[in-house]
Amino acid sequence: MLKWQWQLLIENCTGCGICRDVCNEHAIKMSRRMAYPEPIVGKCEGCMDCVNECPFEAIKVTNNAKLVFEDT
């Protein structure tokens, strides 16, 4: 299973909440009391919907999987 990491580029974020709205995995939390969205650790599946829909380019999603090579 791949491990994905969601990262907010706060200097670009306006707090609009589009990322939360488009996330089918419910991996982003944001309430009216929050200025910015926050990731829910371990929920991101790397679909990139939040990245593609953010009009401000405020989200980065990376794969943190470590590759293990074995001698054959």
N, C-alpha and C. Protein backbone atom coordinates (compact mmCIF):
# COMPACT_ATOMS: atom_id res chain seq x y z
N MET A 1 0.84 -1.17 0.00
CA MET A 1 0.00 0.00 0.00
C MET A 1 0.89 1.25 0.00
N LEU A 2 0.54 2.19 -0.83
CA LEU A 2 1.31 3.42 -0.92
C LEU A 2 0.91 4.40 0.17
N LYS A 3 1.85 5.15 0.60
CA LYS A 3 1.60 6.18 1.62
C LYS A 3 1.64 7.54 0.93
N TRP A 4 0.59 8.28 1.07
CA TRP A 4 0.49 9.60 0.46
C TRP A 4 0.49 10.66 1.54
N GLN A 5 1.10 11.80 1.22
CA GLN A 5 1.14 12.90 2.16
C GLN A 5 0.56 14.15 1.50
N TRP A 6 -0.40 14.75 2.18
CA TRP A 6 -1.07 15.96 1.73
C TRP A 6 -0.41 17.14 2.44
N GLN A 7 -0.04 18.15 1.66
CA GLN A 7 0.64 19.31 2.25
C GLN A 7 0.01 20.59 1.72
N LEU A 8 -0.27 21.51 2.62
CA LEU A 8 -0.85 22.79 2.27
C LEU A 8 0.25 23.83 2.07
N LEU A 9 0.19 24.53 0.97
CA LEU A 9 1.09 25.66 0.73
C LEU A 9 0.34 26.90 1.21
N ILE A 10 0.51 27.19 2.49
CA ILE A 10 -0.31 28.18 3.18
C ILE A 10 -0.24 29.57 2.54
N GLU A 11 0.89 29.89 1.92
CA GLU A 11 1.01 31.20 1.28
C GLU A 11 0.08 31.36 0.08
N ASN A 12 -0.41 30.24 -0.48
CA ASN A 12 -1.33 30.28 -1.61
C ASN A 12 -2.78 30.06 -1.20
N CYS A 13 -3.02 29.54 -0.02
CA CYS A 13 -4.36 29.13 0.41
C CYS A 13 -5.22 30.33 0.84
N THR A 14 -6.47 30.31 0.38
CA THR A 14 -7.43 31.35 0.78
C THR A 14 -8.44 30.82 1.79
N GLY A 15 -8.38 29.52 2.08
CA GLY A 15 -9.33 28.93 3.02
C GLY A 15 -10.71 28.70 2.43
N CYS A 16 -10.80 28.56 1.12
CA CYS A 16 -12.10 28.43 0.44
C CYS A 16 -12.80 27.10 0.72
N GLY A 17 -12.04 26.03 1.01
CA GLY A 17 -12.63 24.74 1.33
C GLY A 17 -12.94 23.84 0.15
N ILE A 18 -12.58 24.26 -1.06
CA ILE A 18 -12.83 23.42 -2.23
C ILE A 18 -12.15 22.07 -2.09
N CYS A 19 -10.95 22.05 -1.57
CA CYS A 19 -10.20 20.79 -1.42
C CYS A 19 -10.98 19.80 -0.56
N ARG A 20 -11.53 20.27 0.53
CA ARG A 20 -12.33 19.40 1.40
C ARG A 20 -13.57 18.90 0.68
N ASP A 21 -14.20 19.78 -0.06
CA ASP A 21 -15.44 19.42 -0.76
C ASP A 21 -15.24 18.35 -1.83
N VAL A 22 -14.09 18.35 -2.50
CA VAL A 22 -13.87 17.40 -3.59
C VAL A 22 -13.20 16.10 -3.13
N CYS A 23 -12.77 16.03 -1.88
CA CYS A 23 -12.07 14.84 -1.39
C CYS A 23 -13.06 13.71 -1.07
N ASN A 24 -13.06 12.69 -1.90
CA ASN A 24 -13.95 11.54 -1.69
C ASN A 24 -13.51 10.64 -0.54
N GLU A 25 -12.27 10.77 -0.12
CA GLU A 25 -11.74 9.95 0.97
C GLU A 25 -11.93 10.61 2.33
N HIS A 26 -12.46 11.81 2.35
CA HIS A 26 -12.63 12.59 3.60
C HIS A 26 -11.31 12.71 4.35
N ALA A 27 -10.25 13.02 3.57
CA ALA A 27 -8.90 13.11 4.11
C ALA A 27 -8.51 14.53 4.50
N ILE A 28 -9.46 15.47 4.32
CA ILE A 28 -9.19 16.88 4.62
C ILE A 28 -10.27 17.39 5.55
N LYS A 29 -9.84 17.99 6.65
CA LYS A 29 -10.84 18.56 7.56
C LYS A 29 -10.76 20.08 7.51
N MET A 30 -11.92 20.68 7.60
CA MET A 30 -12.01 22.13 7.66
C MET A 30 -13.39 22.49 8.15
N SER A 31 -13.44 23.34 9.15
CA SER A 31 -14.71 23.82 9.68
C SER A 31 -14.76 25.34 9.53
N ARG A 32 -15.89 25.91 9.84
CA ARG A 32 -16.03 27.36 9.75
C ARG A 32 -15.07 28.08 10.68
N ARG A 33 -14.68 27.42 11.75
CA ARG A 33 -13.77 28.03 12.73
C ARG A 33 -12.31 27.94 12.33
N MET A 34 -12.02 27.15 11.32
CA MET A 34 -10.63 26.95 10.88
C MET A 34 -10.30 27.92 9.74
N ALA A 35 -9.13 28.53 9.82
CA ALA A 35 -8.69 29.43 8.76
C ALA A 35 -8.23 28.67 7.53
N TYR A 36 -7.67 27.47 7.75
CA TYR A 36 -7.12 26.68 6.66
C TYR A 36 -7.49 25.22 6.83
N PRO A 37 -7.54 24.48 5.73
CA PRO A 37 -7.80 23.05 5.82
C PRO A 37 -6.61 22.32 6.42
N GLU A 38 -6.87 21.13 6.98
CA GLU A 38 -5.81 20.29 7.55
C GLU A 38 -5.99 18.87 7.05
N PRO A 39 -4.90 18.15 6.86
CA PRO A 39 -5.01 16.76 6.43
C PRO A 39 -5.41 15.86 7.60
N ILE A 40 -6.07 14.78 7.29
CA ILE A 40 -6.33 13.73 8.27
C ILE A 40 -5.33 12.63 7.94
N VAL A 41 -4.36 12.46 8.80
CA VAL A 41 -3.23 11.57 8.56
C VAL A 41 -3.69 10.16 8.23
N GLY A 42 -3.12 9.60 7.17
CA GLY A 42 -3.39 8.22 6.78
C GLY A 42 -4.59 8.03 5.89
N LYS A 43 -5.35 9.08 5.61
CA LYS A 43 -6.56 8.95 4.80
C LYS A 43 -6.33 9.22 3.31
N CYS A 44 -5.33 10.01 2.96
CA CYS A 44 -5.10 10.40 1.57
C CYS A 44 -4.76 9.18 0.72
N GLU A 45 -5.46 9.04 -0.40
CA GLU A 45 -5.23 7.93 -1.32
C GLU A 45 -4.48 8.38 -2.58
N GLY A 46 -4.11 9.65 -2.65
CA GLY A 46 -3.32 10.13 -3.78
C GLY A 46 -4.08 10.33 -5.08
N CYS A 47 -5.38 10.55 -5.01
CA CYS A 47 -6.18 10.71 -6.23
C CYS A 47 -5.93 12.02 -6.95
N MET A 48 -5.42 13.01 -6.23
CA MET A 48 -5.08 14.33 -6.76
C MET A 48 -6.28 15.21 -7.09
N ASP A 49 -7.48 14.83 -6.68
CA ASP A 49 -8.65 15.67 -6.94
C ASP A 49 -8.49 17.04 -6.30
N CYS A 50 -7.98 17.08 -5.08
CA CYS A 50 -7.79 18.36 -4.39
C CYS A 50 -6.78 19.24 -5.13
N VAL A 51 -5.71 18.63 -5.61
CA VAL A 51 -4.69 19.37 -6.35
C VAL A 51 -5.28 19.93 -7.64
N ASN A 52 -6.01 19.09 -8.35
CA ASN A 52 -6.57 19.49 -9.64
C ASN A 52 -7.67 20.55 -9.52
N GLU A 53 -8.40 20.55 -8.42
CA GLU A 53 -9.51 21.48 -8.26
C GLU A 53 -9.16 22.77 -7.53
N CYS A 54 -8.02 22.82 -6.89
CA CYS A 54 -7.63 24.03 -6.16
C CYS A 54 -7.26 25.14 -7.15
N PRO A 55 -8.03 26.23 -7.17
CA PRO A 55 -7.73 27.31 -8.11
C PRO A 55 -6.51 28.14 -7.72
N PHE A 56 -5.96 27.89 -6.55
CA PHE A 56 -4.85 28.70 -6.05
C PHE A 56 -3.52 27.94 -5.96
N GLU A 57 -3.51 26.70 -6.45
CA GLU A 57 -2.30 25.86 -6.41
C GLU A 57 -1.71 25.82 -5.01
N ALA A 58 -2.59 25.56 -4.04
CA ALA A 58 -2.18 25.60 -2.63
C ALA A 58 -1.97 24.22 -2.02
N ILE A 59 -2.04 23.17 -2.84
CA ILE A 59 -1.92 21.81 -2.28
C ILE A 59 -0.88 21.01 -3.05
N LYS A 60 -0.13 20.26 -2.29
CA LYS A 60 0.87 19.36 -2.86
C LYS A 60 0.62 17.98 -2.26
N VAL A 61 0.56 16.97 -3.10
CA VAL A 61 0.39 15.59 -2.64
C VAL A 61 1.59 14.80 -3.14
N THR A 62 2.26 14.13 -2.21
CA THR A 62 3.45 13.35 -2.57
C THR A 62 3.32 11.93 -2.06
N ASN A 63 4.04 11.05 -2.73
CA ASN A 63 4.08 9.64 -2.35
C ASN A 63 5.31 9.43 -1.49
N ASN A 64 5.11 8.95 -0.28
CA ASN A 64 6.21 8.73 0.65
C ASN A 64 6.63 7.27 0.74
N ALA A 65 6.23 6.47 -0.24
CA ALA A 65 6.58 5.05 -0.20
C ALA A 65 8.09 4.89 -0.36
N LYS A 66 8.65 4.01 0.42
CA LYS A 66 10.07 3.72 0.31
C LYS A 66 10.24 2.47 -0.54
N LEU A 67 11.13 2.55 -1.50
CA LEU A 67 11.40 1.40 -2.37
C LEU A 67 12.45 0.51 -1.71
N VAL A 68 12.21 -0.76 -1.70
CA VAL A 68 13.16 -1.71 -1.13
C VAL A 68 13.63 -2.63 -2.24
N PHE A 69 14.93 -2.65 -2.48
CA PHE A 69 15.50 -3.50 -3.52
C PHE A 69 16.17 -4.70 -2.86
N GLU A 70 15.87 -5.86 -3.41
CA GLU A 70 16.47 -7.07 -2.88
C GLU A 70 17.44 -7.64 -3.91
N ASP A 71 18.54 -8.21 -3.43
CA ASP A 71 19.45 -8.89 -4.33
C ASP A 71 18.84 -10.19 -4.78
N THR A 72 18.98 -10.48 -6.06
CA THR A 72 18.42 -11.75 -6.58
C THR A 72 19.51 -12.70 -6.95
